[in-house]
N, C-alpha and C. Protein backbone atom coordinates (compact mmCIF):
# COMPACT_ATOMS: atom_id res chain seq x y z
N MET A 1 -83.91 -7.18 245.86
CA MET A 1 -83.69 -6.38 247.03
C MET A 1 -84.95 -5.59 247.36
N MET A 2 -85.27 -5.55 248.60
CA MET A 2 -86.47 -4.87 249.03
C MET A 2 -86.12 -3.58 249.69
N GLY A 3 -87.01 -2.58 249.53
CA GLY A 3 -86.81 -1.28 250.19
C GLY A 3 -87.40 -1.32 251.60
N ILE A 4 -87.42 -0.17 252.21
CA ILE A 4 -87.97 -0.03 253.57
C ILE A 4 -89.49 0.09 253.44
N SER A 5 -90.17 -0.78 254.19
CA SER A 5 -91.64 -0.71 254.16
C SER A 5 -92.12 0.30 255.20
N ALA A 6 -93.41 0.58 255.16
CA ALA A 6 -93.99 1.54 256.08
C ALA A 6 -93.89 1.00 257.53
N TRP A 7 -94.06 -0.32 257.73
CA TRP A 7 -93.97 -0.87 259.08
C TRP A 7 -92.55 -0.71 259.64
N GLN A 8 -91.57 -0.94 258.82
CA GLN A 8 -90.19 -0.83 259.29
C GLN A 8 -89.89 0.59 259.66
N LEU A 9 -90.36 1.53 258.86
CA LEU A 9 -90.15 2.96 259.16
C LEU A 9 -90.80 3.38 260.43
N MET A 10 -92.05 2.90 260.70
CA MET A 10 -92.75 3.23 261.95
C MET A 10 -92.01 2.66 263.13
N ILE A 11 -91.46 1.46 263.02
CA ILE A 11 -90.72 0.84 264.14
C ILE A 11 -89.48 1.63 264.43
N VAL A 12 -88.73 2.10 263.40
CA VAL A 12 -87.55 2.89 263.61
C VAL A 12 -87.93 4.20 264.29
N LEU A 13 -88.97 4.87 263.83
CA LEU A 13 -89.42 6.13 264.43
C LEU A 13 -89.84 5.93 265.89
N LEU A 14 -90.51 4.84 266.18
CA LEU A 14 -90.91 4.53 267.56
C LEU A 14 -89.68 4.34 268.47
N ILE A 15 -88.70 3.66 267.98
CA ILE A 15 -87.46 3.44 268.76
C ILE A 15 -86.76 4.80 269.00
N LEU A 16 -86.71 5.66 267.98
CA LEU A 16 -86.09 6.98 268.15
C LEU A 16 -86.83 7.81 269.19
N ILE A 17 -88.12 7.77 269.18
CA ILE A 17 -88.95 8.49 270.15
C ILE A 17 -88.71 7.97 271.55
N ILE A 18 -88.59 6.68 271.69
CA ILE A 18 -88.33 6.08 273.00
C ILE A 18 -86.97 6.46 273.51
N LEU A 19 -85.97 6.43 272.63
CA LEU A 19 -84.61 6.74 273.04
C LEU A 19 -84.38 8.20 273.36
N PHE A 20 -84.88 9.08 272.52
CA PHE A 20 -84.57 10.50 272.61
C PHE A 20 -85.71 11.36 273.17
N GLY A 21 -86.92 10.91 273.08
CA GLY A 21 -88.06 11.69 273.55
C GLY A 21 -88.51 12.63 272.42
N GLY A 22 -89.78 12.97 272.45
CA GLY A 22 -90.36 13.78 271.40
C GLY A 22 -89.80 15.19 271.33
N LYS A 23 -89.54 15.79 272.51
CA LYS A 23 -89.06 17.14 272.55
C LYS A 23 -87.67 17.29 271.94
N ARG A 24 -86.81 16.34 272.26
CA ARG A 24 -85.42 16.40 271.71
C ARG A 24 -85.41 16.17 270.20
N ILE A 25 -86.26 15.22 269.71
CA ILE A 25 -86.32 14.96 268.27
C ILE A 25 -86.83 16.23 267.56
N ARG A 26 -87.83 16.88 268.14
CA ARG A 26 -88.35 18.12 267.55
C ARG A 26 -87.27 19.19 267.45
N SER A 27 -86.48 19.33 268.50
CA SER A 27 -85.41 20.35 268.47
C SER A 27 -84.31 19.95 267.48
N LEU A 28 -84.00 18.66 267.38
CA LEU A 28 -83.01 18.21 266.38
C LEU A 28 -83.50 18.49 264.97
N GLY A 29 -84.81 18.26 264.72
CA GLY A 29 -85.35 18.53 263.41
C GLY A 29 -85.30 19.98 263.06
N GLY A 30 -85.58 20.83 264.04
CA GLY A 30 -85.51 22.28 263.81
C GLY A 30 -84.10 22.74 263.52
N ASP A 31 -83.14 22.16 264.27
CA ASP A 31 -81.73 22.50 264.04
C ASP A 31 -81.24 22.05 262.67
N LEU A 32 -81.70 20.91 262.25
CA LEU A 32 -81.34 20.36 260.92
C LEU A 32 -81.95 21.26 259.83
N GLY A 33 -83.20 21.65 259.99
CA GLY A 33 -83.81 22.55 259.01
C GLY A 33 -83.10 23.88 258.92
N ALA A 34 -82.71 24.44 260.06
CA ALA A 34 -81.97 25.73 260.05
C ALA A 34 -80.64 25.58 259.36
N SER A 35 -79.97 24.48 259.57
CA SER A 35 -78.68 24.21 258.93
C SER A 35 -78.83 24.14 257.45
N ILE A 36 -79.85 23.44 256.97
CA ILE A 36 -80.09 23.31 255.52
C ILE A 36 -80.40 24.67 254.89
N ARG A 37 -81.23 25.47 255.60
CA ARG A 37 -81.56 26.82 255.10
C ARG A 37 -80.32 27.68 254.99
N ASP A 38 -79.44 27.64 256.03
CA ASP A 38 -78.20 28.42 256.02
C ASP A 38 -77.28 27.99 254.88
N PHE A 39 -77.20 26.67 254.65
CA PHE A 39 -76.35 26.15 253.59
C PHE A 39 -76.88 26.66 252.21
N ARG A 40 -78.18 26.55 252.00
CA ARG A 40 -78.74 27.01 250.75
C ARG A 40 -78.54 28.51 250.54
N LYS A 41 -78.72 29.27 251.60
CA LYS A 41 -78.54 30.70 251.52
C LYS A 41 -77.09 31.05 251.14
N SER A 42 -76.10 30.41 251.76
CA SER A 42 -74.72 30.68 251.44
C SER A 42 -74.34 30.22 250.06
N ALA A 43 -74.91 29.07 249.57
CA ALA A 43 -74.67 28.61 248.24
C ALA A 43 -75.25 29.59 247.20
N ARG A 44 -76.43 30.12 247.48
CA ARG A 44 -77.05 31.09 246.59
C ARG A 44 -76.23 32.37 246.55
N HIS A 45 -75.74 32.79 247.73
CA HIS A 45 -74.91 33.99 247.81
C HIS A 45 -73.58 33.81 247.00
N ASP A 46 -72.97 32.66 247.10
CA ASP A 46 -71.76 32.36 246.34
C ASP A 46 -71.99 32.43 244.84
N ARG A 47 -73.13 31.89 244.38
CA ARG A 47 -73.46 31.92 242.96
C ARG A 47 -73.64 33.37 242.48
N LEU A 48 -74.28 34.21 243.30
CA LEU A 48 -74.49 35.59 242.91
C LEU A 48 -73.16 36.35 242.88
N GLU A 49 -72.20 36.03 243.71
CA GLU A 49 -70.92 36.69 243.74
C GLU A 49 -70.11 36.32 242.47
N GLU A 50 -70.31 35.09 241.99
CA GLU A 50 -69.58 34.64 240.77
C GLU A 50 -70.03 35.42 239.57
N LYS A 51 -71.27 35.81 239.48
CA LYS A 51 -71.82 36.50 238.32
C LYS A 51 -71.38 37.91 238.34
């Protein structure tokens, strides 16, 4: 079984940029990053409450 090569990844990224546009992908990436930060912060807060 073969993994994803660099060429395949570039083609997928190109298709995403064509479909959604660069500005929308940038905002989606920012939203995803903020969600991950919030999740980590709440998980850390829960661990501190348990102690």
